[in-house]
Amino acid sequence: MINFGQPRVGDSDYAAFSDAKFPNQWRMVHHKDIVPHVPSEMWPFDFYHTSTEVFEDKGGNYKVCAPGEDPTCSDQYWTFSISDHLTYMD
């Protein structure tokens, strides 16, 4: 399964369950897409990403990231873009 611009859908326990149940899931994130940052990690709940992120930077380069929240991929940004959610894979 490949998702494009997926929001956080559960907590870290759910992410572990989902990753174990569906080991072949991938999450595509384009640069500063706002949707993968919703809901915020700052909420009083433990929202956490499932699956492995494939990060596309502004130049069209791809990086396979660590599963969950990888601070070297989309999680490195604190400003976000709606237009990056509307354009994937150039």
PDB file of N, CA and C in Angstrom:
ATOM      1  N   MET A   1       0.846  -1.155   0.000  1.00  0.00           N
ATOM      2  CA  MET A   1       0.000   0.000   0.000  1.00  0.00           C
ATOM      3  C   MET A   1       0.904   1.235   0.000  1.00  0.00           C
ATOM      4  N   ILE A   2       0.556   2.188  -0.827  1.00  0.00           N
ATOM      5  CA  ILE A   2       1.290   3.455  -0.896  1.00  0.00           C
ATOM      6  C   ILE A   2       0.307   4.587  -0.668  1.00  0.00           C
ATOM      7  N   ASN A   3       0.590   5.421   0.331  1.00  0.00           N
ATOM      8  CA  ASN A   3      -0.220   6.598   0.619  1.00  0.00           C
ATOM      9  C   ASN A   3       0.545   7.840   0.198  1.00  0.00           C
ATOM     10  N   PHE A   4      -0.169   8.838  -0.253  1.00  0.00           N
ATOM     11  CA  PHE A   4       0.424  10.114  -0.628  1.00  0.00           C
ATOM     12  C   PHE A   4      -0.115  11.189   0.301  1.00  0.00           C
ATOM     13  N   GLY A   5       0.765  11.811   1.098  1.00  0.00           N
ATOM     14  CA  GLY A   5       0.355  12.889   1.978  1.00  0.00           C
ATOM     15  C   GLY A   5      -0.561  12.434   3.094  1.00  0.00           C
ATOM     16  N   GLN A   6      -0.252  11.316   3.717  1.00  0.00           N
ATOM     17  CA  GLN A   6      -1.102  10.750   4.773  1.00  0.00           C
ATOM     18  C   GLN A   6      -0.916  11.509   6.083  1.00  0.00           C
ATOM     19  N   PRO A   7      -2.020  11.845   6.774  1.00  0.00           N
ATOM     20  CA  PRO A   7      -1.899  12.443   8.104  1.00  0.00           C
ATOM     21  C   PRO A   7      -1.528  11.382   9.142  1.00  0.00           C
ATOM     22  N   ARG A   8      -1.188  11.831  10.341  1.00  0.00           N
ATOM     23  CA  ARG A   8      -0.983  10.889  11.450  1.00  0.00           C
ATOM     24  C   ARG A   8      -2.353  10.332  11.836  1.00  0.00           C
ATOM     25  N   VAL A   9      -2.479   9.013  11.909  1.00  0.00           N
ATOM     26  CA  VAL A   9      -3.792   8.400  12.105  1.00  0.00           C
ATOM     27  C   VAL A   9      -3.960   7.719  13.456  1.00  0.00           C
ATOM     28  N   GLY A  10      -2.942   7.672  14.260  1.00  0.00           N
ATOM     29  CA  GLY A  10      -3.053   7.014  15.564  1.00  0.00           C
ATOM     30  C   GLY A  10      -1.844   7.302  16.423  1.00  0.00           C
ATOM     31  N   ASP A  11      -1.757   6.574  17.536  1.00  0.00           N
ATOM     32  CA  ASP A  11      -0.626   6.759  18.436  1.00  0.00           C
ATOM     33  C   ASP A  11       0.485   5.764  18.098  1.00  0.00           C
ATOM     34  N   SER A  12       1.542   5.752  18.899  1.00  0.00           N
ATOM     35  CA  SER A  12       2.684   4.884  18.601  1.00  0.00           C
ATOM     36  C   SER A  12       2.318   3.403  18.720  1.00  0.00           C
ATOM     37  N   ASP A  13       1.389   3.056  19.611  1.00  0.00           N
ATOM     38  CA  ASP A  13       0.940   1.659  19.703  1.00  0.00           C
ATOM     39  C   ASP A  13       0.207   1.243  18.429  1.00  0.00           C
ATOM     40  N   TYR A  14      -0.646   2.130  17.923  1.00  0.00           N
ATOM     41  CA  TYR A  14      -1.346   1.833  16.671  1.00  0.00           C
ATOM     42  C   TYR A  14      -0.338   1.709  15.523  1.00  0.00           C
ATOM     43  N   ALA A  15       0.652   2.596  15.477  1.00  0.00           N
ATOM     44  CA  ALA A  15       1.661   2.540  14.414  1.00  0.00           C
ATOM     45  C   ALA A  15       2.403   1.203  14.442  1.00  0.00           C
ATOM     46  N   ALA A  16       2.768   0.737  15.630  1.00  0.00           N
ATOM     47  CA  ALA A  16       3.459  -0.557  15.752  1.00  0.00           C
ATOM     48  C   ALA A  16       2.556  -1.695  15.287  1.00  0.00           C
ATOM     49  N   PHE A  17       1.274  -1.662  15.675  1.00  0.00           N
ATOM     50  CA  PHE A  17       0.320  -2.685  15.237  1.00  0.00           C
ATOM     51  C   PHE A  17       0.170  -2.671  13.717  1.00  0.00           C
ATOM     52  N   SER A  18      -0.035  -1.483  13.156  1.00  0.00           N
ATOM     53  CA  SER A  18      -0.238  -1.339  11.714  1.00  0.00           C
ATOM     54  C   SER A  18       0.987  -1.814  10.929  1.00  0.00           C
ATOM     55  N   ASP A  19       2.163  -1.432  11.397  1.00  0.00           N
ATOM     56  CA  ASP A  19       3.392  -1.829  10.706  1.00  0.00           C
ATOM     57  C   ASP A  19       3.608  -3.345  10.756  1.00  0.00           C
ATOM     58  N   ALA A  20       3.235  -3.970  11.872  1.00  0.00           N
ATOM     59  CA  ALA A  20       3.371  -5.423  11.994  1.00  0.00           C
ATOM     60  C   ALA A  20       2.334  -6.148  11.128  1.00  0.00           C
ATOM     61  N   LYS A  21       1.126  -5.617  11.081  1.00  0.00           N
ATOM     62  CA  LYS A  21       0.035  -6.242  10.337  1.00  0.00           C
ATOM     63  C   LYS A  21       0.183  -6.055   8.830  1.00  0.00           C
ATOM     64  N   PHE A  22       0.686  -4.888   8.433  1.00  0.00           N
ATOM     65  CA  PHE A  22       0.832  -4.539   7.013  1.00  0.00           C
ATOM     66  C   PHE A  22       2.271  -4.082   6.754  1.00  0.00           C
ATOM     67  N   PRO A  23       3.211  -5.014   6.628  1.00  0.00           N
ATOM     68  CA  PRO A  23       4.625  -4.630   6.522  1.00  0.00           C
ATOM     69  C   PRO A  23       5.007  -3.954   5.200  1.00  0.00           C
ATOM     70  N   ASN A  24       4.152  -4.030   4.195  1.00  0.00           N
ATOM     71  CA  ASN A  24       4.481  -3.436   2.894  1.00  0.00           C
ATOM     72  C   ASN A  24       3.721  -2.147   2.639  1.00  0.00           C
ATOM     73  N   GLN A  25       3.721  -1.250   3.614  1.00  0.00           N
ATOM     74  CA  GLN A  25       3.109   0.057   3.410  1.00  0.00           C
ATOM     75  C   GLN A  25       4.199   1.117   3.300  1.00  0.00           C
ATOM     76  N   TRP A  26       3.933   2.090   2.482  1.00  0.00           N
ATOM     77  CA  TRP A  26       4.863   3.193   2.263  1.00  0.00           C
ATOM     78  C   TRP A  26       4.070   4.492   2.310  1.00  0.00           C
ATOM     79  N   ARG A  27       4.706   5.541   2.772  1.00  0.00           N
ATOM     80  CA  ARG A  27       4.093   6.848   2.897  1.00  0.00           C
ATOM     81  C   ARG A  27       4.911   7.851   2.106  1.00  0.00           C
ATOM     82  N   MET A  28       4.375   8.332   0.993  1.00  0.00           N
ATOM     83  CA  MET A  28       5.062   9.357   0.186  1.00  0.00           C
ATOM     84  C   MET A  28       4.759  10.730   0.782  1.00  0.00           C
ATOM     85  N   VAL A  29       5.805  11.547   0.923  1.00  0.00           N
ATOM     86  CA  VAL A  29       5.637  12.917   1.415  1.00  0.00           C
ATOM     87  C   VAL A  29       6.425  13.841   0.504  1.00  0.00           C
ATOM     88  N   HIS A  30       5.751  14.852  -0.024  1.00  0.00           N
ATOM     89  CA  HIS A  30       6.399  15.820  -0.898  1.00  0.00           C
ATOM     90  C   HIS A  30       6.798  17.068  -0.103  1.00  0.00           C
ATOM     91  N   HIS A  31       8.071  17.255   0.041  1.00  0.00           N
ATOM     92  CA  HIS A  31       8.716  18.426   0.638  1.00  0.00           C
ATOM     93  C   HIS A  31       8.016  18.907   1.903  1.00  0.00           C
ATOM     94  N   LYS A  32       7.363  20.057   1.879  1.00  0.00           N
ATOM     95  CA  LYS A  32       6.762  20.645   3.081  1.00  0.00           C
ATOM     96  C   LYS A  32       5.243  20.465   3.125  1.00  0.00           C
ATOM     97  N   ASP A  33       4.746  19.385   2.520  1.00  0.00           N
ATOM     98  CA  ASP A  33       3.311  19.077   2.530  1.00  0.00           C
ATOM     99  C   ASP A  33       2.776  19.205   3.954  1.00  0.00           C
ATOM    100  N   ILE A  34       1.699  19.969   4.112  1.00  0.00           N
ATOM    101  CA  ILE A  34       1.134  20.216   5.443  1.00  0.00           C
ATOM    102  C   ILE A  34       0.404  19.005   6.024  1.00  0.00           C
ATOM    103  N   VAL A  35      -0.237  18.200   5.198  1.00  0.00           N
ATOM    104  CA  VAL A  35      -1.118  17.136   5.686  1.00  0.00           C
ATOM    105  C   VAL A  35      -0.389  16.093   6.543  1.00  0.00           C
ATOM    106  N   PRO A  36       0.830  15.646   6.200  1.00  0.00           N
ATOM    107  CA  PRO A  36       1.499  14.675   7.069  1.00  0.00           C
ATOM    108  C   PRO A  36       1.832  15.202   8.473  1.00  0.00           C
ATOM    109  N   HIS A  37       1.680  16.495   8.682  1.00  0.00           N
ATOM    110  CA  HIS A  37       1.978  17.085   9.989  1.00  0.00           C
ATOM    111  C   HIS A  37       0.722  17.301  10.830  1.00  0.00           C
ATOM    112  N   VAL A  38      -0.396  16.740  10.368  1.00  0.00           N
ATOM    113  CA  VAL A  38      -1.664  16.871  11.060  1.00  0.00           C
ATOM    114  C   VAL A  38      -2.098  15.494  11.544  1.00  0.00           C
ATOM    115  N   PRO A  39      -2.611  15.335  12.745  1.00  0.00           N
ATOM    116  CA  PRO A  39      -2.530  16.313  13.823  1.00  0.00           C
ATOM    117  C   PRO A  39      -1.094  16.489  14.294  1.00  0.00           C
ATOM    118  N   SER A  40      -0.848  17.596  14.898  1.00  0.00           N
ATOM    119  CA  SER A  40       0.491  17.940  15.360  1.00  0.00           C
ATOM    120  C   SER A  40       0.980  16.987  16.451  1.00  0.00           C
ATOM    121  N   GLU A  41       2.274  16.760  16.464  1.00  0.00           N
ATOM    122  CA  GLU A  41       2.879  15.979  17.551  1.00  0.00           C
ATOM    123  C   GLU A  41       2.768  16.730  18.881  1.00  0.00           C
ATOM    124  N   MET A  42       2.483  18.017  18.819  1.00  0.00           N
ATOM    125  CA  MET A  42       2.399  18.847  20.021  1.00  0.00           C
ATOM    126  C   MET A  42       1.072  18.695  20.758  1.00  0.00           C
ATOM    127  N   TRP A  43       0.099  18.031  20.154  1.00  0.00           N
ATOM    128  CA  TRP A  43      -1.186  17.827  20.816  1.00  0.00           C
ATOM    129  C   TRP A  43      -0.971  16.989  22.067  1.00  0.00           C
ATOM    130  N   PRO A  44      -1.934  16.986  22.975  1.00  0.00           N
ATOM    131  CA  PRO A  44      -1.746  16.215  24.213  1.00  0.00           C
ATOM    132  C   PRO A  44      -1.841  14.704  24.011  1.00  0.00           C
ATOM    133  N   PHE A  45      -2.025  14.268  22.778  1.00  0.00           N
ATOM    134  CA  PHE A  45      -2.072  12.841  22.476  1.00  0.00           C
ATOM    135  C   PHE A  45      -0.781  12.444  21.775  1.00  0.00           C
ATOM    136  N   ASP A  46      -0.522  11.173  21.718  1.00  0.00           N
ATOM    137  CA  ASP A  46       0.708  10.640  21.138  1.00  0.00           C
ATOM    138  C   ASP A  46       0.497  10.294  19.664  1.00  0.00           C
ATOM    139  N   PHE A  47       0.221  11.301  18.812  1.00  0.00           N
ATOM    140  CA  PHE A  47       0.044  11.010  17.393  1.00  0.00           C
ATOM    141  C   PHE A  47       1.392  10.657  16.777  1.00  0.00           C
ATOM    142  N   TYR A  48       1.393   9.623  15.936  1.00  0.00           N
ATOM    143  CA  TYR A  48       2.643   9.078  15.390  1.00  0.00           C
ATOM    144  C   TYR A  48       2.355   8.451  14.032  1.00  0.00           C
ATOM    145  N   HIS A  49       3.310   8.566  13.112  1.00  0.00           N
ATOM    146  CA  HIS A  49       3.126   8.014  11.767  1.00  0.00           C
ATOM    147  C   HIS A  49       3.349   6.508  11.712  1.00  0.00           C
ATOM    148  N   THR A  50       2.563   5.869  10.871  1.00  0.00           N
ATOM    149  CA  THR A  50       2.784   4.461  10.534  1.00  0.00           C
ATOM    150  C   THR A  50       3.713   4.398   9.325  1.00  0.00           C
ATOM    151  N   SER A  51       4.253   3.257   9.094  1.00  0.00           N
ATOM    152  CA  SER A  51       4.998   2.892   7.885  1.00  0.00           C
ATOM    153  C   SER A  51       6.253   3.721   7.617  1.00  0.00           C
ATOM    154  N   THR A  52       6.901   3.378   6.539  1.00  0.00           N
ATOM    155  CA  THR A  52       8.152   4.021   6.139  1.00  0.00           C
ATOM    156  C   THR A  52       7.859   5.164   5.184  1.00  0.00           C
ATOM    157  N   GLU A  53       8.430   6.312   5.487  1.00  0.00           N
ATOM    158  CA  GLU A  53       8.266   7.489   4.630  1.00  0.00           C
ATOM    159  C   GLU A  53       9.250   7.446   3.467  1.00  0.00           C
ATOM    160  N   VAL A  54       8.763   7.820   2.289  1.00  0.00           N
ATOM    161  CA  VAL A  54       9.624   8.096   1.145  1.00  0.00           C
ATOM    162  C   VAL A  54       9.481   9.596   0.908  1.00  0.00           C
ATOM    163  N   PHE A  55      10.553  10.321   1.156  1.00  0.00           N
ATOM    164  CA  PHE A  55      10.529  11.777   1.134  1.00  0.00           C
ATOM    165  C   PHE A  55      11.009  12.299  -0.212  1.00  0.00           C
ATOM    166  N   GLU A  56      10.194  13.162  -0.832  1.00  0.00           N
ATOM    167  CA  GLU A  56      10.560  13.819  -2.092  1.00  0.00           C
ATOM    168  C   GLU A  56      10.891  15.274  -1.781  1.00  0.00           C
ATOM    169  N   ASP A  57      12.126  15.685  -2.042  1.00  0.00           N
ATOM    170  CA  ASP A  57      12.485  17.079  -1.780  1.00  0.00           C
ATOM    171  C   ASP A  57      12.040  17.978  -2.925  1.00  0.00           C
ATOM    172  N   LYS A  58      12.265  19.269  -2.795  1.00  0.00           N
ATOM    173  CA  LYS A  58      11.809  20.234  -3.801  1.00  0.00           C
ATOM    174  C   LYS A  58      12.476  20.008  -5.161  1.00  0.00           C
ATOM    175  N   GLY A  59      13.647  19.379  -5.182  1.00  0.00           N
ATOM    176  CA  GLY A  59      14.359  19.125  -6.431  1.00  0.00           C
ATOM    177  C   GLY A  59      13.965  17.832  -7.124  1.00  0.00           C
ATOM    178  N   GLY A  60      13.010  17.086  -6.550  1.00  0.00           N
ATOM    179  CA  GLY A  60      12.584  15.828  -7.159  1.00  0.00           C
ATOM    180  C   GLY A  60      13.438  14.638  -6.779  1.00  0.00           C
ATOM    181  N   ASN A  61      14.268  14.789  -5.755  1.00  0.00           N
ATOM    182  CA  ASN A  61      15.079  13.680  -5.258  1.00  0.00           C
ATOM    183  C   ASN A  61      14.298  12.927  -4.185  1.00  0.00           C
ATOM    184  N   TYR A  62      14.537  11.618  -4.076  1.00  0.00           N
ATOM    185  CA  TYR A  62      13.806  10.782  -3.137  1.00  0.00           C
ATOM    186  C   TYR A  62      14.748  10.180  -2.110  1.00  0.00           C
ATOM    187  N   LYS A  63      14.223  10.010  -0.897  1.00  0.00           N
ATOM    188  CA  LYS A  63      14.989   9.392   0.181  1.00  0.00           C
ATOM    189  C   LYS A  63      14.061   8.456   0.940  1.00  0.00           C
ATOM    190  N   VAL A  64      14.492   7.219   1.166  1.00  0.00           N
ATOM    191  CA  VAL A  64      13.745   6.295   2.014  1.00  0.00           C
ATOM    192  C   VAL A  64      14.169   6.577   3.449  1.00  0.00           C
ATOM    193  N   CYS A  65      13.206   6.929   4.286  1.00  0.00           N
ATOM    194  CA  CYS A  65      13.466   7.391   5.642  1.00  0.00           C
ATOM    195  C   CYS A  65      13.286   6.258   6.651  1.00  0.00           C
ATOM    196  N   ALA A  66      13.663   6.531   7.876  1.00  0.00           N
ATOM    197  CA  ALA A  66      13.415   5.590   8.961  1.00  0.00           C
ATOM    198  C   ALA A  66      11.907   5.507   9.199  1.00  0.00           C
ATOM    199  N   PRO A  67      11.394   4.356   9.606  1.00  0.00           N
ATOM    200  CA  PRO A  67       9.955   4.248   9.877  1.00  0.00           C
ATOM    201  C   PRO A  67       9.497   5.233  10.956  1.00  0.00           C
ATOM    202  N   GLY A  68       8.239   5.651  10.853  1.00  0.00           N
ATOM    203  CA  GLY A  68       7.678   6.560  11.853  1.00  0.00           C
ATOM    204  C   GLY A  68       8.072   8.009  11.607  1.00  0.00           C
ATOM    205  N   GLU A  69       8.560   8.665  12.635  1.00  0.00           N
ATOM    206  CA  GLU A  69       8.927  10.086  12.574  1.00  0.00           C
ATOM    207  C   GLU A  69      10.441  10.208  12.392  1.00  0.00           C
ATOM    208  N   ASP A  70      10.887  10.531  11.201  1.00  0.00           N
ATOM    209  CA  ASP A  70      12.316  10.658  10.901  1.00  0.00           C
ATOM    210  C   ASP A  70      12.664  12.145  10.815  1.00  0.00           C
ATOM    211  N   PRO A  71      13.486  12.664  11.727  1.00  0.00           N
ATOM    212  CA  PRO A  71      13.804  14.095  11.737  1.00  0.00           C
ATOM    213  C   PRO A  71      14.675  14.551  10.563  1.00  0.00           C
ATOM    214  N   THR A  72      15.122  13.625   9.720  1.00  0.00           N
ATOM    215  CA  THR A  72      15.910  14.017   8.553  1.00  0.00           C
ATOM    216  C   THR A  72      15.053  14.084   7.292  1.00  0.00           C
ATOM    217  N   CYS A  73      13.768  13.778   7.419  1.00  0.00           N
ATOM    218  CA  CYS A  73      12.859  13.807   6.265  1.00  0.00           C
ATOM    219  C   CYS A  73      11.833  14.914   6.470  1.00  0.00           C
ATOM    220  N   SER A  74      10.558  14.676   6.230  1.00  0.00           N
ATOM    221  CA  SER A  74       9.568  15.759   6.327  1.00  0.00           C
ATOM    222  C   SER A  74       9.452  16.316   7.741  1.00  0.00           C
ATOM    223  N   ASP A  75       9.817  15.531   8.736  1.00  0.00           N
ATOM    224  CA  ASP A  75       9.712  15.983  10.124  1.00  0.00           C
ATOM    225  C   ASP A  75      10.739  17.059  10.468  1.00  0.00           C
ATOM    226  N   GLN A  76      11.632  17.369   9.535  1.00  0.00           N
ATOM    227  CA  GLN A  76      12.624  18.417   9.783  1.00  0.00           C
ATOM    228  C   GLN A  76      12.040  19.825   9.647  1.00  0.00           C
ATOM    229  N   TYR A  77      10.854  19.944   9.041  1.00  0.00           N
ATOM    230  CA  TYR A  77      10.277  21.263   8.746  1.00  0.00           C
ATOM    231  C   TYR A  77       9.262  21.706   9.793  1.00  0.00           C
ATOM    232  N   TRP A  78       9.232  23.021  10.019  1.00  0.00           N
ATOM    233  CA  TRP A  78       8.269  23.635  10.940  1.00  0.00           C
ATOM    234  C   TRP A  78       7.375  24.628  10.213  1.00  0.00           C
ATOM    235  N   THR A  79       7.630  24.852   8.934  1.00  0.00           N
ATOM    236  CA  THR A  79       6.730  25.634   8.084  1.00  0.00           C
ATOM    237  C   THR A  79       6.247  24.684   6.991  1.00  0.00           C
ATOM    238  N   PHE A  80       4.989  24.869   6.578  1.00  0.00           N
ATOM    239  CA  PHE A  80       4.375  23.878   5.697  1.00  0.00           C
ATOM    240  C   PHE A  80       3.729  24.525   4.488  1.00  0.00           C
ATOM    241  N   SER A  81       3.361  23.695   3.516  1.00  0.00           N
ATOM    242  CA  SER A  81       2.841  24.181   2.251  1.00  0.00           C
ATOM    243  C   SER A  81       1.628  23.363   1.811  1.00  0.00           C
ATOM    244  N   ILE A  82       0.556  24.054   1.482  1.00  0.00           N
ATOM    245  CA  ILE A  82      -0.607  23.379   0.903  1.00  0.00           C
ATOM    246  C   ILE A  82      -0.297  22.964  -0.530  1.00  0.00           C
ATOM    247  N   SER A  83       0.410  23.811  -1.281  1.00  0.00           N
ATOM    248  CA  SER A  83       0.698  23.487  -2.687  1.00  0.00           C
ATOM    249  C   SER A  83       1.562  22.235  -2.815  1.00  0.00           C
ATOM    250  N   ASP A  84       2.434  21.967  -1.832  1.00  0.00           N
ATOM    251  CA  ASP A  84       3.223  20.736  -1.883  1.00  0.00           C
ATOM    252  C   ASP A  84       2.345  19.490  -1.709  1.00  0.00           C
ATOM    253  N   HIS A  85       1.179  19.649  -1.102  1.00  0.00           N
ATOM    254  CA  HIS A  85       0.254  18.525  -0.978  1.00  0.00           C
ATOM    255  C   HIS A  85      -0.446  18.257  -2.315  1.00  0.00           C
ATOM    256  N   LEU A  86      -0.534  19.247  -3.146  1.00  0.00           N
ATOM    257  CA  LEU A  86      -1.249  19.121  -4.422  1.00  0.00           C
ATOM    258  C   LEU A  86      -0.381  18.637  -5.569  1.00  0.00           C
ATOM    259  N   THR A  87       0.918  18.557  -5.362  1.00  0.00           N
ATOM    260  CA  THR A  87       1.844  18.159  -6.430  1.00  0.00           C
ATOM    261  C   THR A  87       2.793  17.080  -5.906  1.00  0.00           C
ATOM    262  N   TYR A  88       2.626  15.859  -6.399  1.00  0.00           N
ATOM    263  CA  TYR A  88       3.495  14.749  -6.022  1.00  0.00           C
ATOM    264  C   TYR A  88       4.144  14.187  -7.274  1.00  0.00           C
ATOM    265  N   MET A  89       5.374  13.740  -7.128  1.00  0.00           N
ATOM    266  CA  MET A  89       6.129  13.082  -8.194  1.00  0.00           C
ATOM    267  C   MET A  89       6.162  13.931  -9.464  1.00  0.00           C
ATOM    268  N   ASP A  90       6.383  15.215  -9.242  1.00  0.00           N
ATOM    269  CA  ASP A  90       6.525  16.223 -10.304  1.00  0.00           C
ATOM    270  C   ASP A  90       5.317  16.230 -11.213  1.00  0.00           C
TER     271      ASP A  90
END
